[in-house]
Amino acid sequence: MAKAETKAEKIEREYIIPLREKCRPVPRYKKTPKAVRTIKEFLLRHMKMREGDLNSIRIDSYLNEQIWMRGIKNPVHKIKVKAVKEDDIVRVYSADLPKNIKFKKLREEKIEEKAKEELEKKKTLMEKAKETMKNREEPVKDSEKKEEETEKEKSSMVSEELLEKESAKEMKHTAKTNPKKEKQSERKGYDATSRGR
């Protein structure tokens, strides 16, 4: 008996899928969803998928946008796609993108590249920060210690002043009581909880 080798086969194919015939009898408000379903059914049949599951076919977002570009009532009549089969999943990409979608795709790719560059810069900055922390752990000179102590004293003085200002503001905004009203409320039998009943 020969041993069966299980390699991840990668099959790439290009198709021009006709959509007009399948979408014609469908109501106008369901034509584009039917076009998407037709693409999946076509690829299920032509990529030799054993299972009849439409969820195993993944449509690229740019291809989806190209299909929906003309709205729900008027999908394209045929479309050129590139299908890539890996294991049990088929990924579908557009072979020819329109100009506006191409530019959108390029713009998004540039944004992703910039984000990756920023991440790399942050990583290098973190590495530099770690190196400086290691250098700080080395023994510090006496003059530097004295400077740090004076800075700590200054910061504590500033924080004390801020606390004093806040407490003064609170005292200023506290409600002042009127002694005449207090006497009247005592005579009538009012207290803080009774509300005059």
C-alpha atoms as a PDB file:
ATOM      1  CA  MET A   1       0.000   0.000   0.000  1.00  0.00           C
ATOM      2  CA  ALA A   2       1.207   3.465  -0.890  1.00  0.00           C
ATOM      3  CA  LYS A   3       1.039   6.158   1.752  1.00  0.00           C
ATOM      4  CA  ALA A   4      -1.144   9.103   0.833  1.00  0.00           C
ATOM      5  CA  GLU A   5       0.713  12.379   1.195  1.00  0.00           C
ATOM      6  CA  THR A   6      -1.344  15.205   2.605  1.00  0.00           C
ATOM      7  CA  LYS A   7       0.045  18.354   1.048  1.00  0.00           C
ATOM      8  CA  ALA A   8      -1.728  21.659   1.115  1.00  0.00           C
ATOM      9  CA  GLU A   9      -2.571  21.945  -2.549  1.00  0.00           C
ATOM     10  CA  LYS A  10      -2.932  25.462  -3.822  1.00  0.00           C
ATOM     11  CA  ILE A  11      -4.958  25.741  -7.000  1.00  0.00           C
ATOM     12  CA  GLU A  12      -5.292  29.087  -8.800  1.00  0.00           C
ATOM     13  CA  ARG A  13      -7.723  29.633 -11.647  1.00  0.00           C
ATOM     14  CA  GLU A  14      -9.286  32.547 -13.500  1.00  0.00           C
ATOM     15  CA  TYR A  15     -12.895  32.552 -14.646  1.00  0.00           C
ATOM     16  CA  ILE A  16     -15.268  34.890 -16.426  1.00  0.00           C
ATOM     17  CA  ILE A  17     -18.557  34.280 -14.644  1.00  0.00           C
ATOM     18  CA  PRO A  18     -21.806  35.102 -16.496  1.00  0.00           C
ATOM     19  CA  LEU A  19     -24.361  36.653 -14.169  1.00  0.00           C
ATOM     20  CA  ARG A  20     -27.038  38.007 -16.532  1.00  0.00           C
ATOM     21  CA  GLU A  21     -28.876  34.734 -17.141  1.00  0.00           C
ATOM     22  CA  LYS A  22     -29.222  33.833 -13.444  1.00  0.00           C
ATOM     23  CA  CYS A  23     -30.185  37.349 -12.342  1.00  0.00           C
ATOM     24  CA  ARG A  24     -32.801  38.015 -15.049  1.00  0.00           C
ATOM     25  CA  PRO A  25     -35.828  36.193 -13.499  1.00  0.00           C
ATOM     26  CA  VAL A  26     -35.181  37.579  -9.995  1.00  0.00           C
ATOM     27  CA  PRO A  27     -37.070  40.689  -8.733  1.00  0.00           C
ATOM     28  CA  ARG A  28     -35.125  43.939  -9.176  1.00  0.00           C
ATOM     29  CA  TYR A  29     -34.534  44.470  -5.467  1.00  0.00           C
ATOM     30  CA  LYS A  30     -32.833  41.040  -5.167  1.00  0.00           C
ATOM     31  CA  LYS A  31     -30.575  41.055  -8.258  1.00  0.00           C
ATOM     32  CA  THR A  32     -27.191  41.867  -6.667  1.00  0.00           C
ATOM     33  CA  PRO A  33     -27.551  39.387  -3.765  1.00  0.00           C
ATOM     34  CA  LYS A  34     -28.456  36.773  -6.389  1.00  0.00           C
ATOM     35  CA  ALA A  35     -25.318  37.736  -8.346  1.00  0.00           C
ATOM     36  CA  VAL A  36     -23.165  37.110  -5.267  1.00  0.00           C
ATOM     37  CA  ARG A  37     -24.869  33.763  -4.684  1.00  0.00           C
ATOM     38  CA  THR A  38     -24.385  32.878  -8.386  1.00  0.00           C
ATOM     39  CA  ILE A  39     -20.627  33.521  -8.123  1.00  0.00           C
ATOM     40  CA  LYS A  40     -20.416  31.203  -5.119  1.00  0.00           C
ATOM     41  CA  GLU A  41     -22.449  28.472  -6.833  1.00  0.00           C
ATOM     42  CA  PHE A  42     -20.336  28.750  -9.997  1.00  0.00           C
ATOM     43  CA  LEU A  43     -17.095  28.377  -8.056  1.00  0.00           C
ATOM     44  CA  LEU A  44     -18.506  25.534  -5.965  1.00  0.00           C
ATOM     45  CA  ARG A  45     -19.142  23.621  -9.165  1.00  0.00           C
ATOM     46  CA  HIS A  46     -15.955  24.546 -11.071  1.00  0.00           C
ATOM     47  CA  MET A  47     -13.403  24.336  -8.246  1.00  0.00           C
ATOM     48  CA  LYS A  48     -14.547  20.756  -7.537  1.00  0.00           C
ATOM     49  CA  MET A  49     -15.636  21.288  -3.989  1.00  0.00           C
ATOM     50  CA  ARG A  50     -17.036  18.058  -2.576  1.00  0.00           C
ATOM     51  CA  GLU A  51     -19.145  19.758   0.033  1.00  0.00           C
ATOM     52  CA  GLY A  52     -22.076  21.870  -1.060  1.00  0.00           C
ATOM     53  CA  ASP A  53     -21.384  24.603   1.510  1.00  0.00           C
ATOM     54  CA  LEU A  54     -21.408  28.166   0.144  1.00  0.00           C
ATOM     55  CA  ASN A  55     -19.720  29.416   3.327  1.00  0.00           C
ATOM     56  CA  SER A  56     -16.468  27.738   2.291  1.00  0.00           C
ATOM     57  CA  ILE A  57     -16.161  30.277  -0.546  1.00  0.00           C
ATOM     58  CA  ARG A  58     -14.836  33.632   0.642  1.00  0.00           C
ATOM     59  CA  ILE A  59     -15.322  36.699  -1.556  1.00  0.00           C
ATOM     60  CA  ASP A  60     -12.758  39.497  -1.306  1.00  0.00           C
ATOM     61  CA  SER A  61     -14.080  42.843  -0.060  1.00  0.00           C
ATOM     62  CA  TYR A  62     -12.919  44.652  -3.213  1.00  0.00           C
ATOM     63  CA  LEU A  63     -14.704  42.115  -5.421  1.00  0.00           C
ATOM     64  CA  ASN A  64     -17.836  42.520  -3.310  1.00  0.00           C
ATOM     65  CA  GLU A  65     -17.578  46.280  -3.692  1.00  0.00           C
ATOM     66  CA  GLN A  66     -17.198  45.901  -7.453  1.00  0.00           C
ATOM     67  CA  ILE A  67     -20.366  43.777  -7.623  1.00  0.00           C
ATOM     68  CA  TRP A  68     -22.358  46.222  -5.481  1.00  0.00           C
ATOM     69  CA  MET A  69     -20.941  49.331  -7.189  1.00  0.00           C
ATOM     70  CA  ARG A  70     -24.031  49.782  -9.416  1.00  0.00           C
ATOM     71  CA  GLY A  71     -26.531  49.182  -6.627  1.00  0.00           C
ATOM     72  CA  ILE A  72     -28.927  46.411  -5.682  1.00  0.00           C
ATOM     73  CA  LYS A  73     -31.070  46.634  -8.846  1.00  0.00           C
ATOM     74  CA  ASN A  74     -28.383  46.660 -11.532  1.00  0.00           C
ATOM     75  CA  PRO A  75     -25.412  44.295 -10.983  1.00  0.00           C
ATOM     76  CA  VAL A  76     -22.730  43.705 -13.614  1.00  0.00           C
ATOM     77  CA  HIS A  77     -23.595  41.136 -16.310  1.00  0.00           C
ATOM     78  CA  LYS A  78     -20.290  39.256 -16.189  1.00  0.00           C
ATOM     79  CA  ILE A  79     -17.214  39.463 -14.021  1.00  0.00           C
ATOM     80  CA  LYS A  80     -13.640  38.218 -14.244  1.00  0.00           C
ATOM     81  CA  VAL A  81     -12.394  36.594 -11.042  1.00  0.00           C
ATOM     82  CA  LYS A  82      -9.323  34.808  -9.741  1.00  0.00           C
ATOM     83  CA  ALA A  83     -10.041  31.845  -7.453  1.00  0.00           C
ATOM     84  CA  VAL A  84      -7.455  30.344  -5.100  1.00  0.00           C
ATOM     85  CA  LYS A  85      -8.233  27.031  -3.406  1.00  0.00           C
ATOM     86  CA  GLU A  86      -6.358  26.158  -0.216  1.00  0.00           C
ATOM     87  CA  ASP A  87      -7.506  23.022   1.619  1.00  0.00           C
ATOM     88  CA  ASP A  88     -11.308  23.325   1.799  1.00  0.00           C
ATOM     89  CA  ILE A  89     -11.546  27.093   1.434  1.00  0.00           C
ATOM     90  CA  VAL A  90     -11.761  28.990  -1.850  1.00  0.00           C
ATOM     91  CA  ARG A  91     -10.800  32.667  -1.795  1.00  0.00           C
ATOM     92  CA  VAL A  92     -12.104  34.770  -4.673  1.00  0.00           C
ATOM     93  CA  TYR A  93     -10.442  37.986  -5.867  1.00  0.00           C
ATOM     94  CA  SER A  94     -11.259  40.326  -8.717  1.00  0.00           C
ATOM     95  CA  ALA A  95      -8.949  39.949 -11.730  1.00  0.00           C
ATOM     96  CA  ASP A  96      -9.733  43.421 -13.110  1.00  0.00           C
ATOM     97  CA  LEU A  97     -10.601  46.126 -10.613  1.00  0.00           C
ATOM     98  CA  PRO A  98     -12.161  49.424 -11.753  1.00  0.00           C
ATOM     99  CA  LYS A  99     -10.045  52.577 -11.312  1.00  0.00           C
ATOM    100  CA  ASN A 100     -11.886  53.956  -8.304  1.00  0.00           C
ATOM    101  CA  ILE A 101     -11.565  50.674  -6.378  1.00  0.00           C
ATOM    102  CA  LYS A 102      -7.885  50.341  -7.396  1.00  0.00           C
ATOM    103  CA  PHE A 103      -7.145  53.761  -5.930  1.00  0.00           C
ATOM    104  CA  LYS A 104      -9.057  52.903  -2.768  1.00  0.00           C
ATOM    105  CA  LYS A 105      -7.054  49.672  -2.437  1.00  0.00           C
ATOM    106  CA  LEU A 106      -3.743  51.515  -2.945  1.00  0.00           C
ATOM    107  CA  ARG A 107      -4.722  54.125  -0.354  1.00  0.00           C
ATOM    108  CA  GLU A 108      -5.571  51.455   2.220  1.00  0.00           C
ATOM    109  CA  GLU A 109      -2.297  49.635   1.532  1.00  0.00           C
ATOM    110  CA  LYS A 110      -0.358  52.871   2.109  1.00  0.00           C
ATOM    111  CA  ILE A 111      -2.181  53.417   5.396  1.00  0.00           C
ATOM    112  CA  GLU A 112      -1.274  49.877   6.506  1.00  0.00           C
ATOM    113  CA  GLU A 113       2.382  50.427   5.563  1.00  0.00           C
ATOM    114  CA  LYS A 114       2.506  53.650   7.567  1.00  0.00           C
ATOM    115  CA  ALA A 115       0.958  51.892  10.554  1.00  0.00           C
ATOM    116  CA  LYS A 116       3.597  49.145  10.358  1.00  0.00           C
ATOM    117  CA  GLU A 117       6.379  51.744  10.170  1.00  0.00           C
ATOM    118  CA  GLU A 118       5.002  53.527  13.230  1.00  0.00           C
ATOM    119  CA  LEU A 119       4.908  50.231  15.129  1.00  0.00           C
ATOM    120  CA  GLU A 120       8.543  49.595  14.225  1.00  0.00           C
ATOM    121  CA  LYS A 121       9.488  53.107  15.381  1.00  0.00           C
ATOM    122  CA  LYS A 122       7.678  52.531  18.679  1.00  0.00           C
ATOM    123  CA  LYS A 123       9.507  49.251  19.134  1.00  0.00           C
ATOM    124  CA  THR A 124      12.870  50.933  18.544  1.00  0.00           C
ATOM    125  CA  LEU A 125      11.913  53.717  20.960  1.00  0.00           C
ATOM    126  CA  MET A 126      10.970  51.131  23.589  1.00  0.00           C
ATOM    127  CA  GLU A 127      14.333  49.426  23.104  1.00  0.00           C
ATOM    128  CA  LYS A 128      16.115  52.763  23.529  1.00  0.00           C
ATOM    129  CA  ALA A 129      14.101  53.463  26.660  1.00  0.00           C
ATOM    130  CA  LYS A 130      15.078  50.081  28.101  1.00  0.00           C
ATOM    131  CA  GLU A 131      18.742  50.846  27.411  1.00  0.00           C
ATOM    132  CA  THR A 132      18.502  54.200  29.167  1.00  0.00           C
ATOM    133  CA  MET A 133      16.816  52.541  32.138  1.00  0.00           C
ATOM    134  CA  LYS A 134      19.726  50.116  32.355  1.00  0.00           C
ATOM    135  CA  ASN A 135      22.153  53.036  32.245  1.00  0.00           C
ATOM    136  CA  ARG A 136      20.251  54.793  35.049  1.00  0.00           C
ATOM    137  CA  GLU A 137      20.530  51.750  37.253  1.00  0.00           C
ATOM    138  CA  GLU A 138      24.293  52.257  37.347  1.00  0.00           C
ATOM    139  CA  PRO A 139      25.602  54.194  40.383  1.00  0.00           C
ATOM    140  CA  VAL A 140      24.681  57.858  40.264  1.00  0.00           C
ATOM    141  CA  LYS A 141      27.129  60.569  41.278  1.00  0.00           C
ATOM    142  CA  ASP A 142      26.626  62.540  44.513  1.00  0.00           C
ATOM    143  CA  SER A 143      25.931  65.808  42.679  1.00  0.00           C
ATOM    144  CA  GLU A 144      23.167  64.159  40.655  1.00  0.00           C
ATOM    145  CA  LYS A 145      21.641  62.765  43.856  1.00  0.00           C
ATOM    146  CA  LYS A 146      21.578  66.228  45.408  1.00  0.00           C
ATOM    147  CA  GLU A 147      19.905  67.689  42.306  1.00  0.00           C
ATOM    148  CA  GLU A 148      17.224  64.989  42.420  1.00  0.00           C
ATOM    149  CA  GLU A 149      16.556  65.691  46.107  1.00  0.00           C
ATOM    150  CA  THR A 150      16.135  69.435  45.478  1.00  0.00           C
ATOM    151  CA  GLU A 151      13.750  68.703  42.611  1.00  0.00           C
ATOM    152  CA  LYS A 152      11.687  66.434  44.863  1.00  0.00           C
ATOM    153  CA  GLU A 153      11.506  69.165  47.528  1.00  0.00           C
ATOM    154  CA  LYS A 154      10.362  71.723  44.940  1.00  0.00           C
ATOM    155  CA  SER A 155       7.677  69.405  43.613  1.00  0.00           C
ATOM    156  CA  SER A 156       6.400  68.702  47.133  1.00  0.00           C
ATOM    157  CA  MET A 157       6.197  72.449  47.833  1.00  0.00           C
ATOM    158  CA  VAL A 158       4.214  73.008  44.652  1.00  0.00           C
ATOM    159  CA  SER A 159       1.803  70.187  45.492  1.00  0.00           C
ATOM    160  CA  GLU A 160       1.250  71.631  48.997  1.00  0.00           C
ATOM    161  CA  GLU A 161       0.420  75.042  47.512  1.00  0.00           C
ATOM    162  CA  LEU A 162      -2.092  73.451  45.144  1.00  0.00           C
ATOM    163  CA  LEU A 163      -3.771  71.633  48.022  1.00  0.00           C
ATOM    164  CA  GLU A 164      -4.035  74.888  50.009  1.00  0.00           C
ATOM    165  CA  LYS A 165      -5.637  76.663  47.030  1.00  0.00           C
ATOM    166  CA  GLU A 166      -8.182  73.872  46.575  1.00  0.00           C
ATOM    167  CA  SER A 167      -9.131  73.897  50.235  1.00  0.00           C
ATOM    168  CA  ALA A 168      -9.534  77.702  50.115  1.00  0.00           C
ATOM    169  CA  LYS A 169     -11.868  77.370  47.111  1.00  0.00           C
ATOM    170  CA  GLU A 170     -13.951  74.797  48.961  1.00  0.00           C
ATOM    171  CA  MET A 171     -14.256  77.030  51.997  1.00  0.00           C
ATOM    172  CA  LYS A 172     -15.277  79.955  49.795  1.00  0.00           C
ATOM    173  CA  HIS A 173     -18.061  78.015  48.109  1.00  0.00           C
ATOM    174  CA  THR A 174     -19.581  76.433  51.203  1.00  0.00           C
ATOM    175  CA  ALA A 175     -23.148  77.501  51.961  1.00  0.00           C
ATOM    176  CA  LYS A 176     -23.494  80.092  54.679  1.00  0.00           C
ATOM    177  CA  THR A 177     -26.291  79.552  57.171  1.00  0.00           C
ATOM    178  CA  ASN A 178     -28.719  82.226  58.296  1.00  0.00           C
ATOM    179  CA  PRO A 179     -29.175  82.178  62.107  1.00  0.00           C
ATOM    180  CA  LYS A 180     -32.706  83.702  61.927  1.00  0.00           C
ATOM    181  CA  LYS A 181     -33.998  80.884  59.717  1.00  0.00           C
ATOM    182  CA  GLU A 182     -32.481  78.281  62.019  1.00  0.00           C
ATOM    183  CA  LYS A 183     -34.337  79.730  65.022  1.00  0.00           C
ATOM    184  CA  GLN A 184     -37.629  79.808  63.103  1.00  0.00           C
ATOM    185  CA  SER A 185     -37.278  76.198  62.026  1.00  0.00           C
ATOM    186  CA  GLU A 186     -36.593  75.170  65.634  1.00  0.00           C
ATOM    187  CA  ARG A 187     -39.761  76.923  66.820  1.00  0.00           C
ATOM    188  CA  LYS A 188     -41.992  75.348  64.190  1.00  0.00           C
ATOM    189  CA  GLY A 189     -40.603  71.865  64.709  1.00  0.00           C
ATOM    190  CA  TYR A 190     -38.903  71.478  61.331  1.00  0.00           C
ATOM    191  CA  ASP A 191     -35.828  69.396  60.914  1.00  0.00           C
ATOM    192  CA  ALA A 192     -33.728  68.472  57.884  1.00  0.00           C
ATOM    193  CA  THR A 193     -35.748  65.302  57.146  1.00  0.00           C
ATOM    194  CA  SER A 194     -39.323  66.406  57.751  1.00  0.00           C
ATOM    195  CA  ARG A 195     -39.918  68.785  54.799  1.00  0.00           C
ATOM    196  CA  GLY A 196     -42.446  70.747  56.847  1.00  0.00           C
ATOM    197  CA  ARG A 197     -44.992  67.965  57.584  1.00  0.00           C
END
